[in-house]
Amino acid sequence: MGIQNPKENTKAMNTKPFYERLIGISAKEIAARIGCPIPTVYDWKSGRRSPPSWMQGIIMEILEGRDEKP
């Protein structure tokens, strides 16, 4: 056991499947915040589909500011 790199810890936290990071946010809210169809969000939340990996970070940044008014 050695000293862990903080970047490795951050990377480990972001390895959760995309759908698990959406838990606690309604499909309607997600769709409204990012401007996509609700059925698409249902697919993401169920794990059937995921947006491209490059887009997942952008979506999460938008959703993290969900307490702010758009």
N, C-alpha and C. Protein backbone atom coordinates (compact mmCIF):
# COMPACT_ATOMS: atom_id res chain seq x y z
N MET A 1 0.84 -1.18 0.00
CA MET A 1 0.00 0.00 0.00
C MET A 1 0.88 1.24 0.00
N GLY A 2 0.65 2.11 -0.93
CA GLY A 2 1.40 3.34 -0.98
C GLY A 2 0.43 4.51 -0.98
N ILE A 3 0.98 5.66 -1.22
CA ILE A 3 0.15 6.86 -1.29
C ILE A 3 -0.60 6.84 -2.61
N GLN A 4 -1.90 7.08 -2.54
CA GLN A 4 -2.71 7.07 -3.75
C GLN A 4 -2.69 8.44 -4.42
N ASN A 5 -2.69 8.39 -5.72
CA ASN A 5 -2.73 9.60 -6.51
C ASN A 5 -4.15 10.15 -6.48
N PRO A 6 -4.37 11.42 -6.13
CA PRO A 6 -5.72 11.97 -6.09
C PRO A 6 -6.45 11.86 -7.43
N LYS A 7 -5.71 11.93 -8.54
CA LYS A 7 -6.34 11.80 -9.86
C LYS A 7 -6.93 10.40 -10.03
N GLU A 8 -6.26 9.39 -9.48
CA GLU A 8 -6.78 8.03 -9.57
C GLU A 8 -8.09 7.91 -8.79
N ASN A 9 -8.18 8.54 -7.63
CA ASN A 9 -9.42 8.51 -6.85
C ASN A 9 -10.55 9.16 -7.61
N THR A 10 -10.29 10.29 -8.24
CA THR A 10 -11.31 10.98 -9.02
C THR A 10 -11.76 10.11 -10.18
N LYS A 11 -10.80 9.48 -10.84
CA LYS A 11 -11.13 8.62 -11.96
C LYS A 11 -12.02 7.46 -11.51
N ALA A 12 -11.73 6.89 -10.36
CA ALA A 12 -12.51 5.78 -9.84
C ALA A 12 -13.95 6.21 -9.55
N MET A 13 -14.13 7.42 -9.05
CA MET A 13 -15.47 7.89 -8.75
C MET A 13 -16.29 8.10 -10.02
N ASN A 14 -15.65 8.41 -11.13
CA ASN A 14 -16.35 8.68 -12.38
C ASN A 14 -16.55 7.44 -13.22
N THR A 15 -16.21 6.27 -12.71
CA THR A 15 -16.37 5.05 -13.48
C THR A 15 -17.75 4.43 -13.30
N LYS A 16 -18.60 5.04 -12.50
CA LYS A 16 -19.95 4.53 -12.35
C LYS A 16 -20.64 4.57 -13.71
N PRO A 17 -21.48 3.58 -14.01
CA PRO A 17 -22.23 3.66 -15.26
C PRO A 17 -23.05 4.95 -15.29
N PHE A 18 -23.22 5.48 -16.49
CA PHE A 18 -23.92 6.75 -16.66
C PHE A 18 -25.29 6.72 -16.00
N TYR A 19 -26.04 5.62 -16.17
CA TYR A 19 -27.39 5.56 -15.62
C TYR A 19 -27.40 5.65 -14.10
N GLU A 20 -26.36 5.18 -13.43
CA GLU A 20 -26.31 5.28 -11.97
C GLU A 20 -26.11 6.72 -11.52
N ARG A 21 -25.47 7.53 -12.35
CA ARG A 21 -25.26 8.93 -11.99
C ARG A 21 -26.53 9.75 -12.16
N LEU A 22 -27.55 9.18 -12.80
CA LEU A 22 -28.82 9.88 -13.00
C LEU A 22 -29.83 9.60 -11.89
N ILE A 23 -29.50 8.71 -10.98
CA ILE A 23 -30.42 8.35 -9.89
C ILE A 23 -30.74 9.60 -9.07
N GLY A 24 -32.01 9.77 -8.77
CA GLY A 24 -32.45 10.90 -7.96
C GLY A 24 -32.86 12.11 -8.76
N ILE A 25 -32.74 12.05 -10.08
CA ILE A 25 -33.17 13.15 -10.94
C ILE A 25 -34.24 12.59 -11.86
N SER A 26 -35.39 13.25 -11.92
CA SER A 26 -36.48 12.73 -12.73
C SER A 26 -36.16 12.82 -14.22
N ALA A 27 -36.71 11.90 -14.99
CA ALA A 27 -36.52 11.91 -16.44
C ALA A 27 -37.04 13.21 -17.04
N LYS A 28 -38.15 13.69 -16.52
CA LYS A 28 -38.73 14.94 -17.02
C LYS A 28 -37.78 16.11 -16.80
N GLU A 29 -37.17 16.16 -15.62
CA GLU A 29 -36.23 17.24 -15.30
C GLU A 29 -34.99 17.16 -16.19
N ILE A 30 -34.46 15.96 -16.36
CA ILE A 30 -33.27 15.79 -17.20
C ILE A 30 -33.57 16.25 -18.62
N ALA A 31 -34.69 15.78 -19.17
CA ALA A 31 -35.06 16.13 -20.54
C ALA A 31 -35.22 17.64 -20.70
N ALA A 32 -35.86 18.27 -19.73
CA ALA A 32 -36.06 19.73 -19.80
C ALA A 32 -34.73 20.47 -19.72
N ARG A 33 -33.84 20.02 -18.85
CA ARG A 33 -32.56 20.72 -18.65
C ARG A 33 -31.64 20.62 -19.86
N ILE A 34 -31.62 19.46 -20.52
CA ILE A 34 -30.67 19.29 -21.62
C ILE A 34 -31.33 19.34 -23.00
N GLY A 35 -32.67 19.41 -23.03
CA GLY A 35 -33.36 19.57 -24.31
C GLY A 35 -33.40 18.31 -25.16
N CYS A 36 -33.71 17.19 -24.53
CA CYS A 36 -33.84 15.95 -25.31
C CYS A 36 -35.19 15.30 -24.99
N PRO A 37 -35.63 14.35 -25.81
CA PRO A 37 -36.91 13.69 -25.57
C PRO A 37 -36.90 12.86 -24.28
N ILE A 38 -38.02 12.84 -23.58
CA ILE A 38 -38.14 12.05 -22.34
C ILE A 38 -37.87 10.57 -22.59
N PRO A 39 -38.38 9.96 -23.69
CA PRO A 39 -38.08 8.53 -23.91
C PRO A 39 -36.58 8.23 -24.00
N THR A 40 -35.81 9.17 -24.52
CA THR A 40 -34.35 8.99 -24.57
C THR A 40 -33.79 8.89 -23.16
N VAL A 41 -34.27 9.76 -22.27
CA VAL A 41 -33.80 9.74 -20.89
C VAL A 41 -34.22 8.44 -20.21
N TYR A 42 -35.43 7.95 -20.49
CA TYR A 42 -35.85 6.65 -19.94
C TYR A 42 -34.88 5.55 -20.36
N ASP A 43 -34.43 5.58 -21.61
CA ASP A 43 -33.46 4.58 -22.07
C ASP A 43 -32.15 4.69 -21.30
N TRP A 44 -31.71 5.93 -21.06
CA TRP A 44 -30.47 6.13 -20.30
C TRP A 44 -30.63 5.63 -18.88
N LYS A 45 -31.74 6.00 -18.23
CA LYS A 45 -31.95 5.63 -16.83
C LYS A 45 -32.09 4.12 -16.64
N SER A 46 -32.60 3.43 -17.66
CA SER A 46 -32.76 1.98 -17.55
C SER A 46 -31.47 1.24 -17.88
N GLY A 47 -30.50 1.94 -18.47
CA GLY A 47 -29.26 1.30 -18.86
C GLY A 47 -29.30 0.68 -20.24
N ARG A 48 -30.43 0.82 -20.95
CA ARG A 48 -30.53 0.26 -22.30
C ARG A 48 -29.60 0.97 -23.28
N ARG A 49 -29.46 2.26 -23.11
CA ARG A 49 -28.61 3.07 -23.99
C ARG A 49 -27.88 4.10 -23.15
N SER A 50 -26.85 4.68 -23.73
CA SER A 50 -26.12 5.77 -23.10
C SER A 50 -25.73 6.77 -24.18
N PRO A 51 -25.64 8.03 -23.81
CA PRO A 51 -25.12 8.99 -24.77
C PRO A 51 -23.64 8.72 -24.99
N PRO A 52 -23.05 9.26 -26.06
CA PRO A 52 -21.62 9.06 -26.26
C PRO A 52 -20.84 9.51 -25.03
N SER A 53 -19.73 8.86 -24.76
CA SER A 53 -18.96 9.17 -23.55
C SER A 53 -18.54 10.63 -23.49
N TRP A 54 -18.21 11.24 -24.64
CA TRP A 54 -17.80 12.64 -24.62
C TRP A 54 -18.94 13.56 -24.19
N MET A 55 -20.19 13.11 -24.41
CA MET A 55 -21.34 13.93 -24.07
C MET A 55 -21.77 13.74 -22.61
N GLN A 56 -21.43 12.61 -22.01
CA GLN A 56 -21.86 12.33 -20.64
C GLN A 56 -21.37 13.37 -19.66
N GLY A 57 -20.13 13.79 -19.79
CA GLY A 57 -19.58 14.81 -18.90
C GLY A 57 -20.30 16.14 -19.04
N ILE A 58 -20.64 16.50 -20.27
CA ILE A 58 -21.36 17.75 -20.52
C ILE A 58 -22.74 17.68 -19.88
N ILE A 59 -23.41 16.56 -20.06
CA ILE A 59 -24.75 16.38 -19.47
C ILE A 59 -24.68 16.49 -17.95
N MET A 60 -23.70 15.85 -17.34
CA MET A 60 -23.58 15.89 -15.89
C MET A 60 -23.28 17.29 -15.40
N GLU A 61 -22.47 18.05 -16.14
CA GLU A 61 -22.20 19.44 -15.75
C GLU A 61 -23.49 20.26 -15.75
N ILE A 62 -24.31 20.06 -16.76
CA ILE A 62 -25.59 20.78 -16.83
C ILE A 62 -26.47 20.37 -15.65
N LEU A 63 -26.55 19.09 -15.38
CA LEU A 63 -27.43 18.60 -14.32
C LEU A 63 -26.92 18.96 -12.92
N GLU A 64 -25.63 19.09 -12.75
CA GLU A 64 -25.10 19.48 -11.43
C GLU A 64 -25.53 20.87 -11.06
N GLY A 65 -25.85 21.70 -12.02
CA GLY A 65 -26.33 23.05 -11.74
C GLY A 65 -27.84 23.11 -11.74
N ARG A 66 -28.50 21.97 -11.46
CA ARG A 66 -29.96 21.91 -11.58
C ARG A 66 -30.72 22.74 -10.57
N ASP A 67 -30.07 23.16 -9.49
CA ASP A 67 -30.74 24.01 -8.53
C ASP A 67 -30.82 25.46 -9.02
N GLU A 68 -29.98 25.76 -10.02
CA GLU A 68 -29.98 27.09 -10.59
C GLU A 68 -31.09 27.16 -11.64
N LYS A 69 -31.67 28.32 -11.81
CA LYS A 69 -32.69 28.47 -12.82
C LYS A 69 -32.01 28.58 -14.19
N PRO A 70 -32.56 27.86 -15.20
CA PRO A 70 -31.94 27.90 -16.54
C PRO A 70 -32.02 29.28 -17.16
